[in-house]
């Protein structure tokens, strides 16, 4: 593994793990009132595009980080849509 790949894995780990507390809180409380639906839709679209980009570039850090984040953000989006 080269240095750049290692940096990508660390970056993917840090951004994904930093998102985890928000996901856990929403899953536990099911409270999404303070979350903007527009922001979340834009966020999920951006993460999905980064995932696709990583897939096309065959970048494991991008695939893992964005795949996990997309899954967690998708759960929060489902709760947000149910709230409406």
C-alpha atoms as a PDB file:
ATOM      1  CA  UNK A   1       0.000   0.000   0.000  1.00  0.00           C
ATOM      2  CA  UNK A   2       1.423   3.351  -0.987  1.00  0.00           C
ATOM      3  CA  UNK A   3       1.355   6.520   1.112  1.00  0.00           C
ATOM      4  CA  UNK A   4      -1.425   8.137  -0.901  1.00  0.00           C
ATOM      5  CA  UNK A   5      -3.687   5.101  -0.457  1.00  0.00           C
ATOM      6  CA  UNK A   6      -2.997   5.166   3.296  1.00  0.00           C
ATOM      7  CA  UNK A   7      -3.871   8.863   3.457  1.00  0.00           C
ATOM      8  CA  UNK A   8      -7.119   8.097   1.621  1.00  0.00           C
ATOM      9  CA  UNK A   9      -7.987   5.323   4.070  1.00  0.00           C
ATOM     10  CA  UNK A  10      -7.315   7.583   7.066  1.00  0.00           C
ATOM     11  CA  UNK A  11      -9.418  10.367   5.509  1.00  0.00           C
ATOM     12  CA  UNK A  12     -12.274   7.941   4.760  1.00  0.00           C
ATOM     13  CA  UNK A  13     -12.120   6.585   8.309  1.00  0.00           C
ATOM     14  CA  UNK A  14     -12.138  10.042   9.906  1.00  0.00           C
ATOM     15  CA  UNK A  15     -14.997  11.457   7.834  1.00  0.00           C
ATOM     16  CA  UNK A  16     -17.103   8.328   8.245  1.00  0.00           C
ATOM     17  CA  UNK A  17     -16.496   7.980  11.979  1.00  0.00           C
ATOM     18  CA  UNK A  18     -17.275  11.677  12.520  1.00  0.00           C
ATOM     19  CA  UNK A  19     -20.677  11.115  10.907  1.00  0.00           C
ATOM     20  CA  UNK A  20     -21.466   8.097  13.101  1.00  0.00           C
ATOM     21  CA  UNK A  21     -22.642   9.983  16.259  1.00  0.00           C
ATOM     22  CA  UNK A  22     -25.281  11.859  14.236  1.00  0.00           C
ATOM     23  CA  UNK A  23     -26.540   8.639  12.678  1.00  0.00           C
ATOM     24  CA  UNK A  24     -26.658   6.830  16.034  1.00  0.00           C
ATOM     25  CA  UNK A  25     -28.511   9.740  17.652  1.00  0.00           C
ATOM     26  CA  UNK A  26     -31.155   9.839  14.917  1.00  0.00           C
ATOM     27  CA  UNK A  27     -31.565   6.058  14.937  1.00  0.00           C
ATOM     28  CA  UNK A  28     -32.001   6.029  18.733  1.00  0.00           C
ATOM     29  CA  UNK A  29     -34.275   9.066  19.041  1.00  0.00           C
ATOM     30  CA  UNK A  30     -35.895   9.049  15.590  1.00  0.00           C
ATOM     31  CA  UNK A  31     -35.797  12.856  15.912  1.00  0.00           C
ATOM     32  CA  UNK A  32     -34.868  14.662  12.699  1.00  0.00           C
ATOM     33  CA  UNK A  33     -36.679  17.960  13.275  1.00  0.00           C
ATOM     34  CA  UNK A  34     -33.444  19.949  13.369  1.00  0.00           C
ATOM     35  CA  UNK A  35     -32.129  18.414  10.126  1.00  0.00           C
ATOM     36  CA  UNK A  36     -32.781  20.211   6.858  1.00  0.00           C
ATOM     37  CA  UNK A  37     -34.327  17.925   4.230  1.00  0.00           C
ATOM     38  CA  UNK A  38     -32.797  19.963   1.383  1.00  0.00           C
ATOM     39  CA  UNK A  39     -29.353  19.760   2.944  1.00  0.00           C
ATOM     40  CA  UNK A  40     -29.680  16.022   3.445  1.00  0.00           C
ATOM     41  CA  UNK A  41     -30.833  15.417  -0.104  1.00  0.00           C
ATOM     42  CA  UNK A  42     -27.873  17.432  -1.396  1.00  0.00           C
ATOM     43  CA  UNK A  43     -25.514  15.654   0.981  1.00  0.00           C
ATOM     44  CA  UNK A  44     -26.704  12.205  -0.071  1.00  0.00           C
ATOM     45  CA  UNK A  45     -26.460  13.100  -3.753  1.00  0.00           C
ATOM     46  CA  UNK A  46     -22.913  14.365  -3.224  1.00  0.00           C
ATOM     47  CA  UNK A  47     -21.883  11.260  -1.278  1.00  0.00           C
ATOM     48  CA  UNK A  48     -23.463   9.021  -3.920  1.00  0.00           C
ATOM     49  CA  UNK A  49     -21.520  10.818  -6.650  1.00  0.00           C
ATOM     50  CA  UNK A  50     -18.271  10.500  -4.655  1.00  0.00           C
ATOM     51  CA  UNK A  51     -19.027   6.789  -4.222  1.00  0.00           C
ATOM     52  CA  UNK A  52     -19.547   6.408  -7.968  1.00  0.00           C
ATOM     53  CA  UNK A  53     -16.381   8.373  -8.682  1.00  0.00           C
ATOM     54  CA  UNK A  54     -14.442   6.138  -6.295  1.00  0.00           C
ATOM     55  CA  UNK A  55     -15.951   3.068  -7.951  1.00  0.00           C
ATOM     56  CA  UNK A  56     -14.907   4.237 -11.387  1.00  0.00           C
ATOM     57  CA  UNK A  57     -11.406   5.122 -10.141  1.00  0.00           C
ATOM     58  CA  UNK A  58     -11.216   1.787  -8.284  1.00  0.00           C
ATOM     59  CA  UNK A  59     -10.389   3.673  -5.084  1.00  0.00           C
ATOM     60  CA  UNK A  60     -11.010   1.501  -2.029  1.00  0.00           C
ATOM     61  CA  UNK A  61     -10.873   4.454   0.433  1.00  0.00           C
ATOM     62  CA  UNK A  62     -13.494   6.377  -1.539  1.00  0.00           C
ATOM     63  CA  UNK A  63     -15.703   3.333  -1.981  1.00  0.00           C
ATOM     64  CA  UNK A  64     -15.560   2.341   1.686  1.00  0.00           C
ATOM     65  CA  UNK A  65     -15.871   5.813   3.191  1.00  0.00           C
ATOM     66  CA  UNK A  66     -18.638   7.009   0.920  1.00  0.00           C
ATOM     67  CA  UNK A  67     -20.444   3.668   0.855  1.00  0.00           C
ATOM     68  CA  UNK A  68     -20.725   3.531   4.648  1.00  0.00           C
ATOM     69  CA  UNK A  69     -21.625   7.222   4.883  1.00  0.00           C
ATOM     70  CA  UNK A  70     -24.239   6.809   2.151  1.00  0.00           C
ATOM     71  CA  UNK A  71     -25.798   3.890   4.028  1.00  0.00           C
ATOM     72  CA  UNK A  72     -25.951   5.829   7.324  1.00  0.00           C
ATOM     73  CA  UNK A  73     -27.195   9.017   5.664  1.00  0.00           C
ATOM     74  CA  UNK A  74     -29.836   6.960   3.860  1.00  0.00           C
ATOM     75  CA  UNK A  75     -31.147   5.703   7.204  1.00  0.00           C
ATOM     76  CA  UNK A  76     -31.389   9.273   8.485  1.00  0.00           C
ATOM     77  CA  UNK A  77     -33.144  10.351   5.280  1.00  0.00           C
ATOM     78  CA  UNK A  78     -35.726   7.595   5.729  1.00  0.00           C
ATOM     79  CA  UNK A  79     -36.440   8.842   9.273  1.00  0.00           C
ATOM     80  CA  UNK A  80     -36.653  12.417   7.994  1.00  0.00           C
ATOM     81  CA  UNK A  81     -39.111  11.471   5.249  1.00  0.00           C
ATOM     82  CA  UNK A  82     -41.247   9.478   7.707  1.00  0.00           C
ATOM     83  CA  UNK A  83     -41.382  12.539   9.949  1.00  0.00           C
ATOM     84  CA  UNK A  84     -43.136  14.513   7.225  1.00  0.00           C
END
